[in-house]
Amino acid sequence: MDDKQFIPGIYNYCDRWCERCDFTQKCRVFHDTHKEMNQAEDKEDFAKIISKNLNKAMEMLINFAEEKGIDLDDIQNDDQSYKEEKQKFEDAKKHPLADKSMQYVNAVDDWLKENNSLDKKQKTLLENIDLGIHLDDTDKALREIEEALNIINWYQFQIHVKLVSAVNSYPHDPEFEDTIQNRHHSSAKIALIGIENSMKAWQSLLELLKDDEDFILGRLMDLQQLKTMVYKNFPQVDKFKRPYFDD
């Protein structure tokens, strides 16, 4: 594929769910990674692909540094700068947004591992299909549960990672970034998308898993609180526009 057909940097603004993206044919990362993964035959091939992608990332970093007039050697040798950045990241992991999102991660993780009512519900629905009972409704319920769990699983950790990234990237660097179109707004926006999609998924489960009503309401409350916290910490996040996605 000709490089002109790719949208530069579009992969910086997505939620990484390539199977549900309308822009995969315009994404250099999707094209390169999936093409190589489909051709890989063993672990050695995968290791080569990962190494190759790392080299590409380093090339992109070097090109970006040259465009911005940044001396990477100076950065690498600046121990004080490194320590400050490391400390900033450690502080970001202790931020209330990070704490709250990790609580959500752990609660969901425990529920998915130990939940018996979910297994019972799915088993009952499958038995109904075997018996020919309310086939259309039963099949719809099974598909809704599967879809909801796929969404919850996909965003469960991503929300936390993106919120830590947003906190760590704040405030923006006025020398290189716009007050609105910047890294912390980008990460916060993607986290909000995950929060909102997860809330929709939990809402659909609420109607199907009555035995888990208290737990599900608790997770909906977690996500609503996270959403409120995001807007409190990044009040201008809605002004951020993901190129092409939000056009």
C-alpha atoms as a PDB file:
ATOM      1  CA  MET A   1       0.000   0.000   0.000  1.00  0.00           C
ATOM      2  CA  ASP A   2       1.235   3.490  -0.898  1.00  0.00           C
ATOM      3  CA  ASP A   3       2.254   5.609   2.103  1.00  0.00           C
ATOM      4  CA  LYS A   4      -0.017   8.381   0.821  1.00  0.00           C
ATOM      5  CA  GLN A   5      -3.034   6.206   1.641  1.00  0.00           C
ATOM      6  CA  PHE A   6      -2.189   6.191   5.358  1.00  0.00           C
ATOM      7  CA  ILE A   7      -3.391   8.876   7.768  1.00  0.00           C
ATOM      8  CA  PRO A   8      -0.304  10.082   9.688  1.00  0.00           C
ATOM      9  CA  GLY A   9      -0.484   9.302  13.410  1.00  0.00           C
ATOM     10  CA  ILE A  10      -4.129   8.169  13.454  1.00  0.00           C
ATOM     11  CA  TYR A  11      -3.157   5.321  15.795  1.00  0.00           C
ATOM     12  CA  ASN A  12      -2.414   7.878  18.513  1.00  0.00           C
ATOM     13  CA  TYR A  13      -6.105   8.658  18.954  1.00  0.00           C
ATOM     14  CA  CYS A  14      -7.818   5.249  18.975  1.00  0.00           C
ATOM     15  CA  ASP A  15      -8.818   2.702  21.603  1.00  0.00           C
ATOM     16  CA  ARG A  16      -6.786  -0.061  19.865  1.00  0.00           C
ATOM     17  CA  TRP A  17      -9.894  -2.112  19.021  1.00  0.00           C
ATOM     18  CA  CYS A  18      -8.848  -2.690  15.426  1.00  0.00           C
ATOM     19  CA  GLU A  19     -11.626  -5.173  14.699  1.00  0.00           C
ATOM     20  CA  ARG A  20     -14.192  -2.419  15.244  1.00  0.00           C
ATOM     21  CA  CYS A  21     -12.352   0.463  13.619  1.00  0.00           C
ATOM     22  CA  ASP A  22     -13.448   2.097  10.375  1.00  0.00           C
ATOM     23  CA  PHE A  23      -9.941   3.348   9.640  1.00  0.00           C
ATOM     24  CA  THR A  24      -7.846   0.171   9.591  1.00  0.00           C
ATOM     25  CA  GLN A  25      -7.128   0.550   5.880  1.00  0.00           C
ATOM     26  CA  LYS A  26      -5.765   4.025   6.604  1.00  0.00           C
ATOM     27  CA  CYS A  27      -3.619   2.972   9.585  1.00  0.00           C
ATOM     28  CA  ARG A  28       0.061   2.220   9.086  1.00  0.00           C
ATOM     29  CA  VAL A  29       0.341   0.361  12.410  1.00  0.00           C
ATOM     30  CA  PHE A  30      -2.598  -1.935  11.598  1.00  0.00           C
ATOM     31  CA  HIS A  31      -1.300  -2.596   8.098  1.00  0.00           C
ATOM     32  CA  ASP A  32       2.248  -3.440   9.151  1.00  0.00           C
ATOM     33  CA  THR A  33       1.431  -5.374  12.313  1.00  0.00           C
ATOM     34  CA  HIS A  34      -1.452  -7.486  11.042  1.00  0.00           C
ATOM     35  CA  LYS A  35       0.208  -8.268   7.749  1.00  0.00           C
ATOM     36  CA  GLU A  36       3.308  -9.541   9.545  1.00  0.00           C
ATOM     37  CA  MET A  37       1.360 -11.387  12.238  1.00  0.00           C
ATOM     38  CA  ASN A  38      -0.663 -13.246   9.618  1.00  0.00           C
ATOM     39  CA  GLN A  39       2.554 -14.355   7.950  1.00  0.00           C
ATOM     40  CA  ALA A  40       4.247 -15.425  11.194  1.00  0.00           C
ATOM     41  CA  GLU A  41       4.588 -19.156  11.676  1.00  0.00           C
ATOM     42  CA  ASP A  42       6.301 -19.581  15.037  1.00  0.00           C
ATOM     43  CA  LYS A  43       7.540 -17.800  18.176  1.00  0.00           C
ATOM     44  CA  GLU A  44      10.802 -16.870  16.463  1.00  0.00           C
ATOM     45  CA  ASP A  45       8.858 -15.033  13.769  1.00  0.00           C
ATOM     46  CA  PHE A  46       6.844 -13.149  16.378  1.00  0.00           C
ATOM     47  CA  ALA A  47      10.038 -12.133  18.176  1.00  0.00           C
ATOM     48  CA  LYS A  48      11.448 -10.774  14.909  1.00  0.00           C
ATOM     49  CA  ILE A  49       8.256  -8.803  14.285  1.00  0.00           C
ATOM     50  CA  ILE A  50       8.378  -7.252  17.753  1.00  0.00           C
ATOM     51  CA  SER A  51      12.034  -6.323  17.264  1.00  0.00           C
ATOM     52  CA  LYS A  52      11.258  -4.825  13.856  1.00  0.00           C
ATOM     53  CA  ASN A  53       8.378  -2.773  15.269  1.00  0.00           C
ATOM     54  CA  LEU A  54      10.632  -1.490  18.051  1.00  0.00           C
ATOM     55  CA  ASN A  55      13.139  -0.345  15.463  1.00  0.00           C
ATOM     56  CA  LYS A  56      10.364   1.447  13.576  1.00  0.00           C
ATOM     57  CA  ALA A  57       9.289   3.173  16.767  1.00  0.00           C
ATOM     58  CA  MET A  58      12.839   4.329  17.394  1.00  0.00           C
ATOM     59  CA  GLU A  59      13.058   5.678  13.841  1.00  0.00           C
ATOM     60  CA  MET A  60       9.833   7.626  14.369  1.00  0.00           C
ATOM     61  CA  LEU A  61      11.185   8.983  17.670  1.00  0.00           C
ATOM     62  CA  ILE A  62      14.450  10.101  16.062  1.00  0.00           C
ATOM     63  CA  ASN A  63      12.590  11.803  13.193  1.00  0.00           C
ATOM     64  CA  PHE A  64      10.271  13.565  15.628  1.00  0.00           C
ATOM     65  CA  ALA A  65      13.233  14.749  17.726  1.00  0.00           C
ATOM     66  CA  GLU A  66      14.975  16.103  14.650  1.00  0.00           C
ATOM     67  CA  GLU A  67      11.849  18.009  13.581  1.00  0.00           C
ATOM     68  CA  LYS A  68      11.529  19.560  17.039  1.00  0.00           C
ATOM     69  CA  GLY A  69      15.219  20.252  17.454  1.00  0.00           C
ATOM     70  CA  ILE A  70      15.551  17.881  20.418  1.00  0.00           C
ATOM     71  CA  ASP A  71      18.908  16.305  21.188  1.00  0.00           C
ATOM     72  CA  LEU A  72      18.150  12.751  22.306  1.00  0.00           C
ATOM     73  CA  ASP A  73      21.714  12.229  23.533  1.00  0.00           C
ATOM     74  CA  ASP A  74      21.383  15.169  25.904  1.00  0.00           C
ATOM     75  CA  ILE A  75      18.122  13.781  27.212  1.00  0.00           C
ATOM     76  CA  GLN A  76      19.600  10.364  27.801  1.00  0.00           C
ATOM     77  CA  ASN A  77      22.513  11.848  29.727  1.00  0.00           C
ATOM     78  CA  ASP A  78      20.415  14.189  31.845  1.00  0.00           C
ATOM     79  CA  ASP A  79      20.084  12.130  35.035  1.00  0.00           C
ATOM     80  CA  GLN A  80      18.165  14.838  36.859  1.00  0.00           C
ATOM     81  CA  SER A  81      15.585  15.121  34.074  1.00  0.00           C
ATOM     82  CA  TYR A  82      15.181  11.342  34.036  1.00  0.00           C
ATOM     83  CA  LYS A  83      14.664  11.230  37.789  1.00  0.00           C
ATOM     84  CA  GLU A  84      12.067  14.001  37.584  1.00  0.00           C
ATOM     85  CA  GLU A  85      10.145  12.232  34.823  1.00  0.00           C
ATOM     86  CA  LYS A  86      10.295   8.947  36.719  1.00  0.00           C
ATOM     87  CA  GLN A  87       9.027  10.613  39.891  1.00  0.00           C
ATOM     88  CA  LYS A  88       6.247  12.321  37.938  1.00  0.00           C
ATOM     89  CA  PHE A  89       5.110   8.951  36.599  1.00  0.00           C
ATOM     90  CA  GLU A  90       5.197   7.414  40.080  1.00  0.00           C
ATOM     91  CA  ASP A  91       3.112  10.323  41.364  1.00  0.00           C
ATOM     92  CA  ALA A  92       0.640   9.846  38.500  1.00  0.00           C
ATOM     93  CA  LYS A  93       0.122   6.227  39.557  1.00  0.00           C
ATOM     94  CA  LYS A  94      -0.903   7.479  43.015  1.00  0.00           C
ATOM     95  CA  HIS A  95      -3.334  10.111  41.720  1.00  0.00           C
ATOM     96  CA  PRO A  96      -7.008   9.710  42.780  1.00  0.00           C
ATOM     97  CA  LEU A  97      -7.935   8.933  39.166  1.00  0.00           C
ATOM     98  CA  ALA A  98      -5.378   6.134  39.107  1.00  0.00           C
ATOM     99  CA  ASP A  99      -6.517   4.790  42.487  1.00  0.00           C
ATOM    100  CA  LYS A 100     -10.196   4.828  41.556  1.00  0.00           C
ATOM    101  CA  SER A 101      -9.672   3.234  38.150  1.00  0.00           C
ATOM    102  CA  MET A 102      -7.487   0.503  39.662  1.00  0.00           C
ATOM    103  CA  GLN A 103     -10.193  -0.229  42.232  1.00  0.00           C
ATOM    104  CA  TYR A 104     -12.557  -0.707  39.302  1.00  0.00           C
ATOM    105  CA  VAL A 105     -10.048  -2.993  37.552  1.00  0.00           C
ATOM    106  CA  ASN A 106      -9.680  -5.199  40.622  1.00  0.00           C
ATOM    107  CA  ALA A 107     -13.406  -5.371  41.341  1.00  0.00           C
ATOM    108  CA  VAL A 108     -14.210  -6.412  37.774  1.00  0.00           C
ATOM    109  CA  ASP A 109     -11.329  -8.877  37.704  1.00  0.00           C
ATOM    110  CA  ASP A 110     -12.551 -10.620  40.870  1.00  0.00           C
ATOM    111  CA  TRP A 111     -16.127 -10.712  39.595  1.00  0.00           C
ATOM    112  CA  LEU A 112     -15.156 -12.243  36.256  1.00  0.00           C
ATOM    113  CA  LYS A 113     -13.051 -14.917  37.976  1.00  0.00           C
ATOM    114  CA  GLU A 114     -15.455 -15.859  40.756  1.00  0.00           C
ATOM    115  CA  ASN A 115     -18.927 -15.069  39.457  1.00  0.00           C
ATOM    116  CA  ASN A 116     -21.229 -18.082  39.625  1.00  0.00           C
ATOM    117  CA  SER A 117     -24.469 -16.352  38.687  1.00  0.00           C
ATOM    118  CA  LEU A 118     -23.047 -15.347  35.320  1.00  0.00           C
ATOM    119  CA  ASP A 119     -22.131 -18.962  34.560  1.00  0.00           C
ATOM    120  CA  LYS A 120     -25.563 -20.122  35.731  1.00  0.00           C
ATOM    121  CA  LYS A 121     -27.324 -17.562  33.558  1.00  0.00           C
ATOM    122  CA  GLN A 122     -25.375 -18.541  30.470  1.00  0.00           C
ATOM    123  CA  LYS A 123     -25.921 -22.244  31.214  1.00  0.00           C
ATOM    124  CA  THR A 124     -29.666 -21.702  31.618  1.00  0.00           C
ATOM    125  CA  LEU A 125     -29.864 -19.795  28.343  1.00  0.00           C
ATOM    126  CA  LEU A 126     -27.968 -22.529  26.521  1.00  0.00           C
ATOM    127  CA  GLU A 127     -30.298 -25.168  28.001  1.00  0.00           C
ATOM    128  CA  ASN A 128     -33.283 -23.153  26.803  1.00  0.00           C
ATOM    129  CA  ILE A 129     -31.853 -23.159  23.300  1.00  0.00           C
ATOM    130  CA  ASP A 130     -31.429 -26.943  23.439  1.00  0.00           C
ATOM    131  CA  LEU A 131     -35.032 -27.270  24.587  1.00  0.00           C
ATOM    132  CA  GLY A 132     -36.292 -24.839  21.985  1.00  0.00           C
ATOM    133  CA  ILE A 133     -37.645 -22.410  24.594  1.00  0.00           C
ATOM    134  CA  HIS A 134     -38.038 -18.786  23.427  1.00  0.00           C
ATOM    135  CA  LEU A 135     -35.262 -19.246  20.890  1.00  0.00           C
ATOM    136  CA  ASP A 136     -35.171 -15.683  19.600  1.00  0.00           C
ATOM    137  CA  ASP A 137     -35.168 -14.077  23.053  1.00  0.00           C
ATOM    138  CA  THR A 138     -32.684 -16.592  24.437  1.00  0.00           C
ATOM    139  CA  ASP A 139     -30.263 -16.165  21.545  1.00  0.00           C
ATOM    140  CA  LYS A 140     -30.528 -12.384  21.849  1.00  0.00           C
ATOM    141  CA  ALA A 141     -29.798 -12.529  25.589  1.00  0.00           C
ATOM    142  CA  LEU A 142     -26.737 -14.716  25.040  1.00  0.00           C
ATOM    143  CA  ARG A 143     -25.396 -12.355  22.381  1.00  0.00           C
ATOM    144  CA  GLU A 144     -26.024  -9.339  24.617  1.00  0.00           C
ATOM    145  CA  ILE A 145     -24.114 -10.940  27.502  1.00  0.00           C
ATOM    146  CA  GLU A 146     -21.210 -11.869  25.228  1.00  0.00           C
ATOM    147  CA  GLU A 147     -21.080  -8.392  23.708  1.00  0.00           C
ATOM    148  CA  ALA A 148     -21.259  -6.676  27.095  1.00  0.00           C
ATOM    149  CA  LEU A 149     -18.454  -8.837  28.493  1.00  0.00           C
ATOM    150  CA  ASN A 150     -16.301  -8.172  25.421  1.00  0.00           C
ATOM    151  CA  ILE A 151     -16.697  -4.421  25.941  1.00  0.00           C
ATOM    152  CA  ILE A 152     -16.066  -4.584  29.692  1.00  0.00           C
ATOM    153  CA  ASN A 153     -12.976  -6.744  29.193  1.00  0.00           C
ATOM    154  CA  TRP A 154     -11.588  -4.524  26.459  1.00  0.00           C
ATOM    155  CA  TYR A 155     -11.766  -1.273  28.390  1.00  0.00           C
ATOM    156  CA  GLN A 156     -11.220  -2.612  31.916  1.00  0.00           C
ATOM    157  CA  PHE A 157      -7.446  -2.006  32.001  1.00  0.00           C
ATOM    158  CA  GLN A 158      -7.289   0.568  29.225  1.00  0.00           C
ATOM    159  CA  ILE A 159      -9.268   3.089  31.265  1.00  0.00           C
ATOM    160  CA  HIS A 160      -6.679   2.921  34.038  1.00  0.00           C
ATOM    161  CA  VAL A 161      -3.702   3.110  31.671  1.00  0.00           C
ATOM    162  CA  LYS A 162      -5.106   6.104  29.804  1.00  0.00           C
ATOM    163  CA  LEU A 163      -5.951   7.980  32.995  1.00  0.00           C
ATOM    164  CA  VAL A 164      -2.441   7.478  34.363  1.00  0.00           C
ATOM    165  CA  SER A 165      -1.106   8.696  31.015  1.00  0.00           C
ATOM    166  CA  ALA A 166      -3.367  11.765  31.123  1.00  0.00           C
ATOM    167  CA  VAL A 167      -2.212  12.701  34.621  1.00  0.00           C
ATOM    168  CA  ASN A 168       1.421  12.045  33.746  1.00  0.00           C
ATOM    169  CA  SER A 169       1.191  14.233  30.617  1.00  0.00           C
ATOM    170  CA  TYR A 170      -0.345  17.167  32.470  1.00  0.00           C
ATOM    171  CA  PRO A 171       0.313  20.058  32.111  1.00  0.00           C
ATOM    172  CA  HIS A 172       0.993  20.356  28.400  1.00  0.00           C
ATOM    173  CA  ASP A 173       4.324  21.596  27.102  1.00  0.00           C
ATOM    174  CA  PRO A 174       3.539  24.989  25.496  1.00  0.00           C
ATOM    175  CA  GLU A 175       6.678  24.748  23.377  1.00  0.00           C
ATOM    176  CA  PHE A 176       5.420  21.649  21.555  1.00  0.00           C
ATOM    177  CA  GLU A 177       1.691  21.305  22.319  1.00  0.00           C
ATOM    178  CA  ASP A 178      -1.551  23.219  21.963  1.00  0.00           C
ATOM    179  CA  THR A 179      -3.615  24.108  25.033  1.00  0.00           C
ATOM    180  CA  ILE A 180      -6.408  21.814  23.793  1.00  0.00           C
ATOM    181  CA  GLN A 181      -4.883  19.436  21.253  1.00  0.00           C
ATOM    182  CA  ASN A 182      -2.356  17.778  23.545  1.00  0.00           C
ATOM    183  CA  ARG A 183      -1.403  14.441  25.051  1.00  0.00           C
ATOM    184  CA  HIS A 184      -3.252  14.678  28.342  1.00  0.00           C
ATOM    185  CA  HIS A 185      -6.516  15.575  26.612  1.00  0.00           C
ATOM    186  CA  SER A 186      -5.977  12.793  24.085  1.00  0.00           C
ATOM    187  CA  SER A 187      -5.521  10.175  26.812  1.00  0.00           C
ATOM    188  CA  ALA A 188      -8.385  11.552  28.906  1.00  0.00           C
ATOM    189  CA  LYS A 189     -10.701  11.514  25.873  1.00  0.00           C
ATOM    190  CA  ILE A 190      -9.935   7.874  25.112  1.00  0.00           C
ATOM    191  CA  ALA A 191     -10.467   7.002  28.798  1.00  0.00           C
ATOM    192  CA  LEU A 192     -13.872   8.715  28.672  1.00  0.00           C
ATOM    193  CA  ILE A 193     -14.838   6.679  25.621  1.00  0.00           C
ATOM    194  CA  GLY A 194     -13.939   3.518  27.527  1.00  0.00           C
ATOM    195  CA  ILE A 195     -15.893   4.673  30.574  1.00  0.00           C
ATOM    196  CA  GLU A 196     -19.018   5.512  28.585  1.00  0.00           C
ATOM    197  CA  ASN A 197     -18.941   2.287  26.547  1.00  0.00           C
ATOM    198  CA  SER A 198     -18.391   0.265  29.716  1.00  0.00           C
ATOM    199  CA  MET A 199     -21.357   1.934  31.397  1.00  0.00           C
ATOM    200  CA  LYS A 200     -23.575   0.952  28.466  1.00  0.00           C
ATOM    201  CA  ALA A 201     -22.317  -2.619  28.730  1.00  0.00           C
ATOM    202  CA  TRP A 202     -22.978  -2.821  32.471  1.00  0.00           C
ATOM    203  CA  GLN A 203     -26.445  -1.351  31.919  1.00  0.00           C
ATOM    204  CA  SER A 204     -27.306  -4.149  29.500  1.00  0.00           C
ATOM    205  CA  LEU A 205     -26.057  -6.753  32.002  1.00  0.00           C
ATOM    206  CA  LEU A 206     -28.139  -5.136  34.729  1.00  0.00           C
ATOM    207  CA  GLU A 207     -31.275  -6.136  32.860  1.00  0.00           C
ATOM    208  CA  LEU A 208     -30.088  -9.715  32.385  1.00  0.00           C
ATOM    209  CA  LEU A 209     -28.289 -10.586  35.635  1.00  0.00           C
ATOM    210  CA  LYS A 210     -30.717  -9.753  38.420  1.00  0.00           C
ATOM    211  CA  ASP A 211     -28.707 -11.705  41.009  1.00  0.00           C
ATOM    212  CA  ASP A 212     -25.761  -9.380  40.430  1.00  0.00           C
ATOM    213  CA  GLU A 213     -27.736  -6.156  40.579  1.00  0.00           C
ATOM    214  CA  ASP A 214     -25.891  -4.723  43.602  1.00  0.00           C
ATOM    215  CA  PHE A 215     -22.478  -5.450  42.120  1.00  0.00           C
ATOM    216  CA  ILE A 216     -23.364  -4.028  38.711  1.00  0.00           C
ATOM    217  CA  LEU A 217     -24.839  -0.882  40.248  1.00  0.00           C
ATOM    218  CA  GLY A 218     -21.606  -0.523  42.205  1.00  0.00           C
ATOM    219  CA  ARG A 219     -19.541  -0.639  39.003  1.00  0.00           C
ATOM    220  CA  LEU A 220     -21.847   1.843  37.309  1.00  0.00           C
ATOM    221  CA  MET A 221     -21.299   4.132  40.282  1.00  0.00           C
ATOM    222  CA  ASP A 222     -17.511   3.635  40.015  1.00  0.00           C
ATOM    223  CA  LEU A 223     -17.569   4.609  36.355  1.00  0.00           C
ATOM    224  CA  GLN A 224     -19.822   7.602  36.917  1.00  0.00           C
ATOM    225  CA  GLN A 225     -17.493   8.833  39.650  1.00  0.00           C
ATOM    226  CA  LEU A 226     -14.505   8.348  37.342  1.00  0.00           C
ATOM    227  CA  LYS A 227     -16.276  10.311  34.621  1.00  0.00           C
ATOM    228  CA  THR A 228     -16.953  13.166  37.051  1.00  0.00           C
ATOM    229  CA  MET A 229     -13.323  13.108  38.185  1.00  0.00           C
ATOM    230  CA  VAL A 230     -12.050  13.237  34.603  1.00  0.00           C
ATOM    231  CA  TYR A 231     -14.058  16.375  33.886  1.00  0.00           C
ATOM    232  CA  LYS A 232     -12.939  17.915  37.168  1.00  0.00           C
ATOM    233  CA  ASN A 233      -9.268  17.329  36.367  1.00  0.00           C
ATOM    234  CA  PHE A 234      -9.529  18.042  32.632  1.00  0.00           C
ATOM    235  CA  PRO A 235     -12.455  20.467  32.225  1.00  0.00           C
ATOM    236  CA  GLN A 236     -11.642  21.196  28.568  1.00  0.00           C
ATOM    237  CA  VAL A 237     -11.389  17.563  27.469  1.00  0.00           C
ATOM    238  CA  ASP A 238     -14.554  17.744  25.347  1.00  0.00           C
ATOM    239  CA  LYS A 239     -12.940  20.448  23.219  1.00  0.00           C
ATOM    240  CA  PHE A 240     -10.237  17.991  22.193  1.00  0.00           C
ATOM    241  CA  LYS A 241     -10.960  16.535  18.749  1.00  0.00           C
ATOM    242  CA  ARG A 242      -9.436  13.255  17.688  1.00  0.00           C
ATOM    243  CA  PRO A 243      -8.442  13.793  14.060  1.00  0.00           C
ATOM    244  CA  TYR A 244     -10.783  11.868  11.724  1.00  0.00           C
ATOM    245  CA  PHE A 245     -12.526  10.032  14.593  1.00  0.00           C
ATOM    246  CA  ASP A 246     -14.331  13.122  15.827  1.00  0.00           C
ATOM    247  CA  ASP A 247     -14.742  14.916  12.478  1.00  0.00           C
END
